[in-house]
């Protein structure tokens, strides 16, 4: 009976040690999962921040391009106006010369 009690006690200790080891492994797995989730969340925030920054830069470049296009079109209109008015100016000058010679 004494040997049996010792064997039972040894089995109980082994089962208890196994259960404790199993709980420790479960805790480590949980901790590792939490750490991994934190790292993923951190990486997602970093990616979002980088994306937002790039998006702002693209939008800024688009605004600047739009302004440059407007300036170019304005200059083009001025140039066209000058080109269109030049014959009129020459005609007026010619008429002035004719009138000056005539009178």
N, C-alpha and C. Protein backbone atom coordinates (compact mmCIF):
# COMPACT_ATOMS: atom_id res chain seq x y z
N UNK A 1 0.83 -1.19 0.00
CA UNK A 1 0.00 0.00 0.00
C UNK A 1 0.87 1.26 0.00
N UNK A 2 2.02 1.13 0.65
CA UNK A 2 2.90 2.27 0.74
C UNK A 2 3.50 2.62 -0.62
N UNK A 3 3.88 1.63 -1.37
CA UNK A 3 4.43 1.84 -2.71
C UNK A 3 3.37 2.46 -3.60
N UNK A 4 2.16 1.98 -3.46
CA UNK A 4 1.06 2.48 -4.27
C UNK A 4 0.82 3.95 -3.95
N UNK A 5 0.86 4.30 -2.67
CA UNK A 5 0.66 5.70 -2.28
C UNK A 5 1.77 6.57 -2.87
N UNK A 6 3.01 6.09 -2.83
CA UNK A 6 4.13 6.85 -3.39
C UNK A 6 3.97 7.00 -4.90
N UNK A 7 3.53 5.94 -5.55
CA UNK A 7 3.34 5.98 -7.00
C UNK A 7 2.22 6.96 -7.34
N UNK A 8 1.15 6.92 -6.56
CA UNK A 8 0.01 7.84 -6.79
C UNK A 8 0.47 9.28 -6.57
N UNK A 9 1.25 9.48 -5.50
CA UNK A 9 1.74 10.82 -5.21
C UNK A 9 2.66 11.31 -6.34
N UNK A 10 3.50 10.44 -6.85
CA UNK A 10 4.39 10.79 -7.94
C UNK A 10 3.61 11.10 -9.22
N UNK A 11 2.58 10.32 -9.46
CA UNK A 11 1.71 10.57 -10.63
C UNK A 11 1.01 11.91 -10.46
N UNK A 12 0.50 12.20 -9.25
CA UNK A 12 -0.15 13.49 -8.99
C UNK A 12 0.81 14.65 -9.23
N UNK A 13 2.05 14.51 -8.74
CA UNK A 13 3.05 15.57 -8.95
C UNK A 13 3.36 15.75 -10.43
N UNK A 14 3.45 14.64 -11.14
CA UNK A 14 3.74 14.70 -12.57
C UNK A 14 2.60 15.39 -13.32
N UNK A 15 1.35 15.02 -12.94
CA UNK A 15 0.18 15.63 -13.58
C UNK A 15 0.13 17.12 -13.25
N UNK A 16 0.44 17.47 -12.01
CA UNK A 16 0.44 18.87 -11.60
C UNK A 16 1.53 19.65 -12.36
N UNK A 17 2.71 19.07 -12.49
CA UNK A 17 3.80 19.71 -13.22
C UNK A 17 3.41 19.86 -14.69
N UNK A 18 2.78 18.85 -15.25
CA UNK A 18 2.33 18.91 -16.64
C UNK A 18 1.30 20.02 -16.81
N UNK A 19 0.35 20.11 -15.88
CA UNK A 19 -0.68 21.16 -15.96
C UNK A 19 -0.07 22.55 -15.85
N UNK A 20 0.88 22.70 -14.92
CA UNK A 20 1.55 23.99 -14.77
C UNK A 20 2.33 24.35 -16.03
N UNK A 21 3.01 23.38 -16.62
CA UNK A 21 3.76 23.61 -17.85
C UNK A 21 2.81 24.00 -18.98
N UNK A 22 1.69 23.31 -19.03
CA UNK A 22 0.70 23.61 -20.07
C UNK A 22 0.15 25.03 -19.90
N UNK A 23 -0.13 25.44 -18.65
CA UNK A 23 -0.61 26.79 -18.40
C UNK A 23 0.46 27.83 -18.76
N UNK A 24 1.71 27.54 -18.46
CA UNK A 24 2.81 28.44 -18.79
C UNK A 24 2.92 28.61 -20.31
N UNK A 25 2.82 27.50 -21.01
CA UNK A 25 2.87 27.56 -22.48
C UNK A 25 1.69 28.39 -23.00
N UNK A 26 0.51 28.20 -22.44
CA UNK A 26 -0.67 28.95 -22.86
C UNK A 26 -0.46 30.44 -22.60
N UNK A 27 0.12 30.81 -21.44
CA UNK A 27 0.40 32.20 -21.13
C UNK A 27 1.40 32.80 -22.12
N UNK A 28 2.44 32.04 -22.42
CA UNK A 28 3.45 32.52 -23.38
C UNK A 28 2.85 32.71 -24.77
N UNK A 29 1.98 31.79 -25.16
CA UNK A 29 1.31 31.92 -26.46
C UNK A 29 0.45 33.17 -26.48
N UNK A 30 -0.32 33.39 -25.41
CA UNK A 30 -1.17 34.59 -25.30
C UNK A 30 -0.32 35.86 -25.38
N UNK A 31 0.77 35.85 -24.61
CA UNK A 31 1.65 37.02 -24.58
C UNK A 31 2.26 37.28 -25.96
N UNK A 32 2.66 36.22 -26.62
CA UNK A 32 3.23 36.35 -27.96
C UNK A 32 2.19 36.88 -28.94
N UNK A 33 0.96 36.39 -28.84
CA UNK A 33 -0.12 36.87 -29.71
C UNK A 33 -0.39 38.35 -29.48
N UNK A 34 -0.43 38.76 -28.19
CA UNK A 34 -0.66 40.18 -27.89
C UNK A 34 0.46 41.05 -28.45
N UNK A 35 1.69 40.58 -28.27
CA UNK A 35 2.84 41.34 -28.78
C UNK A 35 2.77 41.44 -30.31
N UNK A 36 2.40 40.34 -30.95
CA UNK A 36 2.28 40.35 -32.41
C UNK A 36 1.19 41.31 -32.85
N UNK A 37 0.06 41.33 -32.14
CA UNK A 37 -1.03 42.24 -32.48
C UNK A 37 -0.59 43.69 -32.31
N UNK A 38 0.18 43.96 -31.24
CA UNK A 38 0.69 45.32 -31.04
C UNK A 38 1.60 45.73 -32.19
N UNK A 39 2.48 44.82 -32.61
CA UNK A 39 3.40 45.12 -33.70
C UNK A 39 2.64 45.35 -35.01
N UNK A 40 1.63 44.53 -35.25
CA UNK A 40 0.82 44.71 -36.46
C UNK A 40 0.12 46.06 -36.43
N UNK A 41 -0.46 46.40 -35.28
CA UNK A 41 -1.15 47.69 -35.15
C UNK A 41 -0.17 48.85 -35.36
N UNK A 42 1.02 48.73 -34.80
CA UNK A 42 2.05 49.76 -34.96
C UNK A 42 2.43 49.90 -36.43
N UNK A 43 2.62 48.77 -37.09
CA UNK A 43 2.97 48.80 -38.52
C UNK A 43 1.84 49.40 -39.35
N UNK A 44 0.60 49.05 -39.01
CA UNK A 44 -0.56 49.62 -39.74
C UNK A 44 -0.62 51.13 -39.57
N UNK A 45 -0.36 51.60 -38.35
CA UNK A 45 -0.37 53.05 -38.12
C UNK A 45 0.74 53.73 -38.93
N UNK A 46 1.90 53.10 -38.97
CA UNK A 46 3.02 53.67 -39.71
C UNK A 46 2.70 53.72 -41.21
N UNK A 47 2.11 52.65 -41.73
CA UNK A 47 1.73 52.63 -43.14
C UNK A 47 0.69 53.71 -43.43
N UNK A 48 -0.31 53.83 -42.54
CA UNK A 48 -1.36 54.84 -42.72
C UNK A 48 -0.75 56.24 -42.70
N UNK A 49 0.18 56.47 -41.79
CA UNK A 49 0.82 57.78 -41.68
C UNK A 49 1.60 58.09 -42.97
N UNK A 50 2.34 57.11 -43.45
CA UNK A 50 3.11 57.30 -44.68
C UNK A 50 2.18 57.54 -45.87
N UNK A 51 1.09 56.77 -45.94
CA UNK A 51 0.12 56.94 -47.03
C UNK A 51 -0.50 58.34 -46.99
N UNK A 52 -0.90 58.77 -45.78
CA UNK A 52 -1.52 60.09 -45.64
C UNK A 52 -0.55 61.20 -46.04
N UNK A 53 0.70 61.04 -45.65
CA UNK A 53 1.71 62.04 -46.01
C UNK A 53 1.89 62.09 -47.53
N UNK A 54 1.97 60.92 -48.14
CA UNK A 54 2.12 60.87 -49.60
C UNK A 54 0.90 61.47 -50.29
N UNK A 55 -0.28 61.19 -49.75
CA UNK A 55 -1.51 61.72 -50.33
C UNK A 55 -1.52 63.26 -50.25
N UNK A 56 -1.08 63.80 -49.10
CA UNK A 56 -1.02 65.25 -48.96
C UNK A 56 -0.04 65.86 -49.97
N UNK A 57 1.11 65.19 -50.15
CA UNK A 57 2.09 65.70 -51.11
C UNK A 57 1.55 65.66 -52.54
N UNK A 58 0.85 64.59 -52.87
CA UNK A 58 0.26 64.49 -54.21
C UNK A 58 -0.77 65.59 -54.42
N UNK A 59 -1.62 65.80 -53.41
CA UNK A 59 -2.63 66.85 -53.51
C UNK A 59 -2.00 68.23 -53.65
N UNK A 60 -0.92 68.46 -52.90
CA UNK A 60 -0.22 69.74 -52.97
C UNK A 60 0.36 69.93 -54.38
N UNK A 61 0.97 68.89 -54.91
CA UNK A 61 1.54 68.97 -56.26
C UNK A 61 0.44 69.22 -57.29
N UNK A 62 -0.71 68.60 -57.09
CA UNK A 62 -1.83 68.81 -58.02
C UNK A 62 -2.31 70.25 -57.97
N UNK A 63 -2.40 70.82 -56.77
CA UNK A 63 -2.82 72.23 -56.63
C UNK A 63 -1.81 73.15 -57.32
N UNK A 64 -0.52 72.88 -57.10
CA UNK A 64 0.51 73.71 -57.71
C UNK A 64 0.47 73.60 -59.23
N UNK A 65 0.22 72.40 -59.73
CA UNK A 65 0.13 72.21 -61.19
C UNK A 65 -1.07 72.97 -61.75
N UNK A 66 -2.16 72.95 -61.01
CA UNK A 66 -3.36 73.66 -61.46
C UNK A 66 -3.10 75.17 -61.51
N UNK A 67 -2.41 75.69 -60.48
CA UNK A 67 -2.07 77.12 -60.45
C UNK A 67 -1.15 77.48 -61.62
N UNK A 68 -0.17 76.60 -61.86
CA UNK A 68 0.77 76.85 -62.96
C UNK A 68 0.04 76.84 -64.30
N UNK A 69 -0.90 75.94 -64.45
CA UNK A 69 -1.69 75.87 -65.68
C UNK A 69 -2.48 77.17 -65.87
N UNK A 70 -3.08 77.67 -64.78
CA UNK A 70 -3.84 78.92 -64.87
C UNK A 70 -2.92 80.08 -65.27
N UNK A 71 -1.73 80.14 -64.65
CA UNK A 71 -0.78 81.21 -64.99
C UNK A 71 -0.38 81.13 -66.47
N UNK A 72 -0.12 79.92 -66.93
CA UNK A 72 0.27 79.72 -68.31
C UNK A 72 -0.84 80.16 -69.26
N UNK A 73 -2.08 79.76 -68.93
CA UNK A 73 -3.21 80.14 -69.78
C UNK A 73 -3.40 81.65 -69.80
N UNK A 74 -3.17 82.29 -68.65
CA UNK A 74 -3.29 83.75 -68.57
C UNK A 74 -2.25 84.42 -69.47
N UNK A 75 -1.01 83.94 -69.39
CA UNK A 75 0.05 84.48 -70.23
C UNK A 75 -0.26 84.24 -71.71
N UNK A 76 -0.79 83.05 -72.00
CA UNK A 76 -1.13 82.72 -73.38
C UNK A 76 -2.21 83.66 -73.91
N UNK A 77 -3.20 83.95 -73.08
CA UNK A 77 -4.26 84.88 -73.49
C UNK A 77 -3.69 86.27 -73.77
N UNK A 78 -2.76 86.72 -72.91
CA UNK A 78 -2.12 88.03 -73.12
C UNK A 78 -1.40 88.05 -74.46
N UNK A 79 -0.65 86.98 -74.70
CA UNK A 79 0.12 86.90 -75.94
C UNK A 79 -0.80 86.90 -77.15
N UNK A 80 -1.89 86.16 -77.07
CA UNK A 80 -2.84 86.12 -78.18
C UNK A 80 -3.47 87.50 -78.41
N UNK A 81 -3.79 88.16 -77.29
CA UNK A 81 -4.38 89.49 -77.39
C UNK A 81 -3.43 90.44 -78.08
N UNK A 82 -2.16 90.39 -77.69
CA UNK A 82 -1.15 91.27 -78.30
C UNK A 82 -1.02 90.95 -79.79
N UNK A 83 -0.98 89.65 -80.13
CA UNK A 83 -0.87 89.25 -81.53
C UNK A 83 -2.08 89.72 -82.34
N UNK A 84 -3.25 89.65 -81.72
CA UNK A 84 -4.47 90.07 -82.42
C UNK A 84 -4.52 91.59 -82.59
N UNK A 85 -4.00 92.31 -81.62
CA UNK A 85 -4.07 93.78 -81.66
C UNK A 85 -2.98 94.40 -82.53
N UNK A 86 -1.89 93.69 -82.76
CA UNK A 86 -0.77 94.25 -83.50
C UNK A 86 -1.17 94.75 -84.89
N UNK A 87 -1.94 93.98 -85.67
CA UNK A 87 -2.37 94.51 -86.99
C UNK A 87 -3.22 95.76 -86.85
N UNK A 88 -4.03 95.81 -85.81
CA UNK A 88 -4.87 97.00 -85.59
C UNK A 88 -3.99 98.22 -85.31
N UNK A 89 -2.97 98.02 -84.47
CA UNK A 89 -2.05 99.11 -84.14
C UNK A 89 -1.32 99.57 -85.40
N UNK A 90 -0.84 98.65 -86.20
CA UNK A 90 -0.15 99.01 -87.45
C UNK A 90 -1.09 99.77 -88.39
N UNK A 91 -2.32 99.33 -88.47
CA UNK A 91 -3.31 99.98 -89.33
C UNK A 91 -3.54 101.42 -88.87
N UNK A 92 -3.67 101.62 -87.56
CA UNK A 92 -3.88 102.96 -87.01
C UNK A 92 -2.68 103.84 -87.30
N UNK A 93 -1.46 103.27 -87.15
CA UNK A 93 -0.25 104.05 -87.44
C UNK A 93 -0.19 104.43 -88.91
N UNK A 94 -0.56 103.49 -89.76
CA UNK A 94 -0.56 103.77 -91.20
C UNK A 94 -1.56 104.86 -91.53
N UNK A 95 -2.74 104.79 -90.93
CA UNK A 95 -3.77 105.81 -91.16
C UNK A 95 -3.27 107.16 -90.69
N UNK A 96 -2.56 107.17 -89.55
CA UNK A 96 -2.02 108.43 -89.03
C UNK A 96 -1.03 109.04 -90.01
N UNK A 97 -0.19 108.18 -90.57
CA UNK A 97 0.82 108.66 -91.52
C UNK A 97 0.09 109.19 -92.77
N UNK A 98 -0.91 108.44 -93.24
CA UNK A 98 -1.65 108.87 -94.43
C UNK A 98 -2.34 110.20 -94.15
N UNK A 99 -2.97 110.30 -92.98
CA UNK A 99 -3.66 111.54 -92.62
C UNK A 99 -2.68 112.70 -92.50
N UNK A 100 -1.53 112.45 -91.94
CA UNK A 100 -0.52 113.50 -91.77
C UNK A 100 -0.02 113.97 -93.13
N UNK A 101 0.18 113.02 -94.05
CA UNK A 101 0.66 113.38 -95.38
C UNK A 101 -0.47 114.08 -96.14
N UNK A 102 -1.66 113.63 -96.01
CA UNK A 102 -2.83 114.15 -96.74
C UNK A 102 -3.11 115.59 -96.36
N UNK A 103 -3.05 115.83 -95.03
CA UNK A 103 -3.43 117.18 -94.60
C UNK A 103 -2.21 118.00 -94.46
